[in-house]
Amino acid sequence: MDIQQNEDIRSRIRTIPDFPKPGILFRDITTLLLDPEGLRLTIEKMAAQVDGKVDLVAGVEARGFVFGAALAVRLGTGVLLIRKDGKLPGATIAEDYALEYGTDRIAIHADALVPGARVLLVDDLIATGGTARAAVRLLRKAGAEVVQASFVVDLPDLGGADALRSDGIQVASLVAFEGH
């Protein structure tokens, strides 16, 4: 799907300048989520981009839960929650990743998937790719085959989608915004 053909999605995403700090153009998908037709179109188009069969959809906290759950229903799969460490009860496996200043950690339940499961990773936006790449490492550590990553928005100038591709992940997004 040509991301240039998704003006119906792009037009429903608002840009907030200087958030969270000066010079940043924040791509706010809450306006898209508030629009029933926009949300429906987004899920339909994301589902159409899925290449092949998937066993699970993995949504990254927190906005990835929204798109991941809706896609899982549409694709007839379950949804696996990738959470910040310490938020899941029971036994977990986790993965650390670097932030601009420091590190963070994400986790899944240790029994969340069957080894060999074909997983679609989903989030609202791909920027530098730090969280998404950590999610791929975590899913692979659990025995999953991450077959694709899907995002509503790509910020290609920040290189996250390319970094995922270099990790062997097929990446799909609906719209791209230049700049930071």
C-alpha atoms as a PDB file:
ATOM      1  CA  MET A   1       0.000   0.000   0.000  1.00  0.00           C
ATOM      2  CA  ASP A   2       1.381   3.381  -1.004  1.00  0.00           C
ATOM      3  CA  ILE A   3       1.517   5.564   2.090  1.00  0.00           C
ATOM      4  CA  GLN A   4       0.971   8.606  -0.123  1.00  0.00           C
ATOM      5  CA  GLN A   5      -2.597   7.347  -0.753  1.00  0.00           C
ATOM      6  CA  ASN A   6      -3.586   7.662   2.901  1.00  0.00           C
ATOM      7  CA  GLU A   7      -4.497  11.341   3.087  1.00  0.00           C
ATOM      8  CA  ASP A   8      -7.734  10.216   4.791  1.00  0.00           C
ATOM      9  CA  ILE A   9      -5.599   9.008   7.714  1.00  0.00           C
ATOM     10  CA  ARG A  10      -2.977  11.778   7.601  1.00  0.00           C
ATOM     11  CA  SER A  11      -5.645  14.510   7.701  1.00  0.00           C
ATOM     12  CA  ARG A  12      -6.989  13.091  10.988  1.00  0.00           C
ATOM     13  CA  ILE A  13      -3.625  13.304  12.791  1.00  0.00           C
ATOM     14  CA  ARG A  14      -2.914  16.669  14.347  1.00  0.00           C
ATOM     15  CA  THR A  15       0.525  18.182  14.694  1.00  0.00           C
ATOM     16  CA  ILE A  16       1.381  19.970  17.938  1.00  0.00           C
ATOM     17  CA  PRO A  17       4.500  22.136  17.656  1.00  0.00           C
ATOM     18  CA  ASP A  18       7.065  22.351  20.455  1.00  0.00           C
ATOM     19  CA  PHE A  19       5.831  19.316  22.400  1.00  0.00           C
ATOM     20  CA  PRO A  20       7.288  17.818  24.528  1.00  0.00           C
ATOM     21  CA  LYS A  21      10.088  20.346  24.002  1.00  0.00           C
ATOM     22  CA  PRO A  22      10.890  23.222  21.634  1.00  0.00           C
ATOM     23  CA  GLY A  23      11.607  22.194  18.063  1.00  0.00           C
ATOM     24  CA  ILE A  24       9.617  18.942  18.191  1.00  0.00           C
ATOM     25  CA  LEU A  25       6.543  18.469  15.995  1.00  0.00           C
ATOM     26  CA  PHE A  26       4.416  15.986  17.966  1.00  0.00           C
ATOM     27  CA  ARG A  27       2.170  13.794  15.782  1.00  0.00           C
ATOM     28  CA  ASP A  28      -0.960  13.375  17.908  1.00  0.00           C
ATOM     29  CA  ILE A  29      -3.087  10.358  16.982  1.00  0.00           C
ATOM     30  CA  THR A  30      -5.765  11.095  19.619  1.00  0.00           C
ATOM     31  CA  THR A  31      -7.708  13.051  16.991  1.00  0.00           C
ATOM     32  CA  LEU A  32      -7.641   9.959  14.774  1.00  0.00           C
ATOM     33  CA  LEU A  33      -8.845   7.765  17.639  1.00  0.00           C
ATOM     34  CA  LEU A  34     -11.745  10.132  18.356  1.00  0.00           C
ATOM     35  CA  ASP A  35     -12.977   9.861  14.766  1.00  0.00           C
ATOM     36  CA  PRO A  36     -15.000   6.629  14.294  1.00  0.00           C
ATOM     37  CA  GLU A  37     -14.535   6.588  10.515  1.00  0.00           C
ATOM     38  CA  GLY A  38     -10.840   7.422  10.814  1.00  0.00           C
ATOM     39  CA  LEU A  39     -10.296   4.639  13.337  1.00  0.00           C
ATOM     40  CA  ARG A  40     -12.211   2.146  11.171  1.00  0.00           C
ATOM     41  CA  LEU A  41     -10.204   3.121   8.078  1.00  0.00           C
ATOM     42  CA  THR A  42      -6.945   2.879  10.005  1.00  0.00           C
ATOM     43  CA  ILE A  43      -7.644  -0.647  11.221  1.00  0.00           C
ATOM     44  CA  GLU A  44      -8.848  -1.764   7.782  1.00  0.00           C
ATOM     45  CA  LYS A  45      -5.740  -0.377   6.096  1.00  0.00           C
ATOM     46  CA  MET A  46      -3.374  -1.793   8.710  1.00  0.00           C
ATOM     47  CA  ALA A  47      -5.018  -5.209   8.342  1.00  0.00           C
ATOM     48  CA  ALA A  48      -4.676  -5.007   4.558  1.00  0.00           C
ATOM     49  CA  GLN A  49      -0.905  -4.513   4.958  1.00  0.00           C
ATOM     50  CA  VAL A  50      -0.417  -7.740   6.928  1.00  0.00           C
ATOM     51  CA  ASP A  51       1.625 -10.116   4.817  1.00  0.00           C
ATOM     52  CA  GLY A  52       0.643 -13.718   5.521  1.00  0.00           C
ATOM     53  CA  LYS A  53      -0.723 -15.510   8.549  1.00  0.00           C
ATOM     54  CA  VAL A  54      -0.043 -14.312  12.087  1.00  0.00           C
ATOM     55  CA  ASP A  55      -0.786 -16.160  15.327  1.00  0.00           C
ATOM     56  CA  LEU A  56      -0.635 -13.179  17.674  1.00  0.00           C
ATOM     57  CA  VAL A  57      -0.624  -9.417  17.518  1.00  0.00           C
ATOM     58  CA  ALA A  58       1.777  -7.812  20.012  1.00  0.00           C
ATOM     59  CA  GLY A  59       0.851  -4.260  21.035  1.00  0.00           C
ATOM     60  CA  VAL A  60       3.419  -1.953  22.625  1.00  0.00           C
ATOM     61  CA  GLU A  61       2.280   0.064  25.658  1.00  0.00           C
ATOM     62  CA  ALA A  62       0.144   2.113  25.511  1.00  0.00           C
ATOM     63  CA  ARG A  63      -1.203   3.293  22.169  1.00  0.00           C
ATOM     64  CA  GLY A  64      -0.077   0.048  20.556  1.00  0.00           C
ATOM     65  CA  PHE A  65      -2.677  -1.687  22.745  1.00  0.00           C
ATOM     66  CA  VAL A  66      -5.468   0.206  20.969  1.00  0.00           C
ATOM     67  CA  PHE A  67      -4.342  -0.630  17.448  1.00  0.00           C
ATOM     68  CA  GLY A  68      -3.084  -4.085  18.419  1.00  0.00           C
ATOM     69  CA  ALA A  69      -6.373  -5.154  20.003  1.00  0.00           C
ATOM     70  CA  ALA A  70      -8.444  -3.891  17.084  1.00  0.00           C
ATOM     71  CA  LEU A  71      -6.133  -5.619  14.586  1.00  0.00           C
ATOM     72  CA  ALA A  72      -6.213  -8.853  16.581  1.00  0.00           C
ATOM     73  CA  VAL A  73     -10.011  -8.887  16.415  1.00  0.00           C
ATOM     74  CA  ARG A  74      -9.893  -8.145  12.692  1.00  0.00           C
ATOM     75  CA  LEU A  75      -7.249 -10.849  12.048  1.00  0.00           C
ATOM     76  CA  GLY A  76      -8.822 -13.459  14.336  1.00  0.00           C
ATOM     77  CA  THR A  77      -5.858 -13.692  16.717  1.00  0.00           C
ATOM     78  CA  GLY A  78      -5.128 -12.956  20.350  1.00  0.00           C
ATOM     79  CA  VAL A  79      -3.306  -9.857  21.491  1.00  0.00           C
ATOM     80  CA  LEU A  80      -0.091  -9.938  23.517  1.00  0.00           C
ATOM     81  CA  LEU A  81       0.633  -6.909  25.702  1.00  0.00           C
ATOM     82  CA  ILE A  82       4.182  -5.572  25.797  1.00  0.00           C
ATOM     83  CA  ARG A  83       4.300  -3.521  28.994  1.00  0.00           C
ATOM     84  CA  LYS A  84       6.725  -1.434  30.948  1.00  0.00           C
ATOM     85  CA  ASP A  85       8.547  -3.667  33.407  1.00  0.00           C
ATOM     86  CA  GLY A  86       6.766  -4.170  36.722  1.00  0.00           C
ATOM     87  CA  LYS A  87       3.240  -3.770  35.318  1.00  0.00           C
ATOM     88  CA  LEU A  88       2.452  -7.447  34.679  1.00  0.00           C
ATOM     89  CA  PRO A  89       1.551  -9.940  37.408  1.00  0.00           C
ATOM     90  CA  GLY A  90       3.191 -13.356  37.373  1.00  0.00           C
ATOM     91  CA  ALA A  91       6.426 -14.505  35.792  1.00  0.00           C
ATOM     92  CA  THR A  92       7.788 -12.259  33.059  1.00  0.00           C
ATOM     93  CA  ILE A  93      10.706 -11.973  30.700  1.00  0.00           C
ATOM     94  CA  ALA A  94      12.097  -8.521  29.997  1.00  0.00           C
ATOM     95  CA  GLU A  95      14.400  -6.573  27.724  1.00  0.00           C
ATOM     96  CA  ASP A  96      16.351  -3.378  28.425  1.00  0.00           C
ATOM     97  CA  TYR A  97      16.792  -0.653  25.837  1.00  0.00           C
ATOM     98  CA  ALA A  98      18.501   2.709  25.622  1.00  0.00           C
ATOM     99  CA  LEU A  99      16.704   6.019  25.805  1.00  0.00           C
ATOM    100  CA  GLU A 100      18.119   9.441  24.991  1.00  0.00           C
ATOM    101  CA  TYR A 101      19.028   9.780  28.688  1.00  0.00           C
ATOM    102  CA  GLY A 102      19.231   6.398  30.429  1.00  0.00           C
ATOM    103  CA  THR A 103      17.503   3.079  29.874  1.00  0.00           C
ATOM    104  CA  ASP A 104      14.055   1.537  30.134  1.00  0.00           C
ATOM    105  CA  ARG A 105      12.741  -2.010  30.272  1.00  0.00           C
ATOM    106  CA  ILE A 106       9.749  -3.754  28.685  1.00  0.00           C
ATOM    107  CA  ALA A 107       8.277  -7.128  29.587  1.00  0.00           C
ATOM    108  CA  ILE A 108       5.803  -9.821  28.582  1.00  0.00           C
ATOM    109  CA  HIS A 109       4.401 -12.731  30.519  1.00  0.00           C
ATOM    110  CA  ALA A 110       6.786 -15.696  30.336  1.00  0.00           C
ATOM    111  CA  ASP A 111       3.925 -17.914  29.116  1.00  0.00           C
ATOM    112  CA  ALA A 112       2.457 -15.368  26.677  1.00  0.00           C
ATOM    113  CA  LEU A 113       3.238 -17.280  23.506  1.00  0.00           C
ATOM    114  CA  VAL A 114       4.064 -20.674  22.130  1.00  0.00           C
ATOM    115  CA  PRO A 115       7.591 -20.894  20.709  1.00  0.00           C
ATOM    116  CA  GLY A 116       7.428 -20.543  16.939  1.00  0.00           C
ATOM    117  CA  ALA A 117       4.353 -18.283  17.058  1.00  0.00           C
ATOM    118  CA  ARG A 118       4.176 -15.864  14.151  1.00  0.00           C
ATOM    119  CA  VAL A 119       3.809 -12.393  15.681  1.00  0.00           C
ATOM    120  CA  LEU A 120       2.832  -9.020  14.240  1.00  0.00           C
ATOM    121  CA  LEU A 121       4.313  -6.150  16.272  1.00  0.00           C
ATOM    122  CA  VAL A 122       2.057  -3.064  16.409  1.00  0.00           C
ATOM    123  CA  ASP A 123       2.450   0.480  17.696  1.00  0.00           C
ATOM    124  CA  ASP A 124       1.085   3.877  16.778  1.00  0.00           C
ATOM    125  CA  LEU A 125       4.380   5.423  15.682  1.00  0.00           C
ATOM    126  CA  ILE A 126       7.932   4.457  14.758  1.00  0.00           C
ATOM    127  CA  ALA A 127      10.561   7.134  15.438  1.00  0.00           C
ATOM    128  CA  THR A 128      14.095   6.082  16.418  1.00  0.00           C
ATOM    129  CA  GLY A 129      13.010   2.456  16.790  1.00  0.00           C
ATOM    130  CA  GLY A 130      14.454   1.886  20.266  1.00  0.00           C
ATOM    131  CA  THR A 131      11.281   0.506  21.810  1.00  0.00           C
ATOM    132  CA  ALA A 132      10.273  -1.451  18.708  1.00  0.00           C
ATOM    133  CA  ARG A 133      13.707  -3.060  18.388  1.00  0.00           C
ATOM    134  CA  ALA A 134      13.642  -3.993  22.080  1.00  0.00           C
ATOM    135  CA  ALA A 135      10.183  -5.493  21.559  1.00  0.00           C
ATOM    136  CA  VAL A 136      11.512  -7.599  18.663  1.00  0.00           C
ATOM    137  CA  ARG A 137      14.428  -8.829  20.799  1.00  0.00           C
ATOM    138  CA  LEU A 138      12.031  -9.640  23.643  1.00  0.00           C
ATOM    139  CA  LEU A 139       9.626 -11.543  21.389  1.00  0.00           C
ATOM    140  CA  ARG A 140      12.484 -13.464  19.805  1.00  0.00           C
ATOM    141  CA  LYS A 141      13.866 -14.271  23.277  1.00  0.00           C
ATOM    142  CA  ALA A 142      10.442 -15.795  24.056  1.00  0.00           C
ATOM    143  CA  GLY A 143      10.675 -17.932  20.909  1.00  0.00           C
ATOM    144  CA  ALA A 144       8.440 -15.914  18.580  1.00  0.00           C
ATOM    145  CA  GLU A 145       8.981 -15.373  14.900  1.00  0.00           C
ATOM    146  CA  VAL A 146       8.354 -11.654  14.409  1.00  0.00           C
ATOM    147  CA  VAL A 147       7.012 -11.612  10.879  1.00  0.00           C
ATOM    148  CA  GLN A 148       6.175  -7.936  10.513  1.00  0.00           C
ATOM    149  CA  ALA A 149       5.907  -4.620  12.342  1.00  0.00           C
ATOM    150  CA  SER A 150       3.006  -2.277  11.644  1.00  0.00           C
ATOM    151  CA  PHE A 151       2.669   1.401  12.547  1.00  0.00           C
ATOM    152  CA  VAL A 152       0.173   4.131  11.817  1.00  0.00           C
ATOM    153  CA  VAL A 153       2.902   6.792  11.559  1.00  0.00           C
ATOM    154  CA  ASP A 154       6.531   6.584  10.447  1.00  0.00           C
ATOM    155  CA  LEU A 155       9.012   9.391  11.091  1.00  0.00           C
ATOM    156  CA  PRO A 156      11.546   8.230   8.480  1.00  0.00           C
ATOM    157  CA  ASP A 157      14.112  10.943   9.242  1.00  0.00           C
ATOM    158  CA  LEU A 158      14.662   9.325  12.665  1.00  0.00           C
ATOM    159  CA  GLY A 159      15.586   5.958  11.104  1.00  0.00           C
ATOM    160  CA  GLY A 160      13.542   3.544  13.220  1.00  0.00           C
ATOM    161  CA  ALA A 161      11.857   1.724  10.355  1.00  0.00           C
ATOM    162  CA  ASP A 162      15.190   1.272   8.590  1.00  0.00           C
ATOM    163  CA  ALA A 163      16.740  -0.045  11.816  1.00  0.00           C
ATOM    164  CA  LEU A 164      13.950  -2.618  12.103  1.00  0.00           C
ATOM    165  CA  ARG A 165      14.474  -3.620   8.488  1.00  0.00           C
ATOM    166  CA  SER A 166      18.174  -4.129   9.231  1.00  0.00           C
ATOM    167  CA  ASP A 167      17.033  -6.516  11.995  1.00  0.00           C
ATOM    168  CA  GLY A 168      15.187  -8.541   9.348  1.00  0.00           C
ATOM    169  CA  ILE A 169      11.707  -7.207  10.069  1.00  0.00           C
ATOM    170  CA  GLN A 170       9.257  -6.278   7.335  1.00  0.00           C
ATOM    171  CA  VAL A 171       7.863  -2.826   8.233  1.00  0.00           C
ATOM    172  CA  ALA A 172       4.550  -1.285   7.171  1.00  0.00           C
ATOM    173  CA  SER A 173       3.081   2.116   8.018  1.00  0.00           C
ATOM    174  CA  LEU A 174       0.145   4.150   6.795  1.00  0.00           C
ATOM    175  CA  VAL A 175       1.593   7.658   6.758  1.00  0.00           C
ATOM    176  CA  ALA A 176       5.028   9.259   6.983  1.00  0.00           C
ATOM    177  CA  PHE A 177       5.850  12.687   8.329  1.00  0.00           C
ATOM    178  CA  GLU A 178       9.180  14.307   7.521  1.00  0.00           C
ATOM    179  CA  GLY A 179      11.251  15.890  10.256  1.00  0.00           C
ATOM    180  CA  HIS A 180      11.266  15.209  13.974  1.00  0.00           C
END
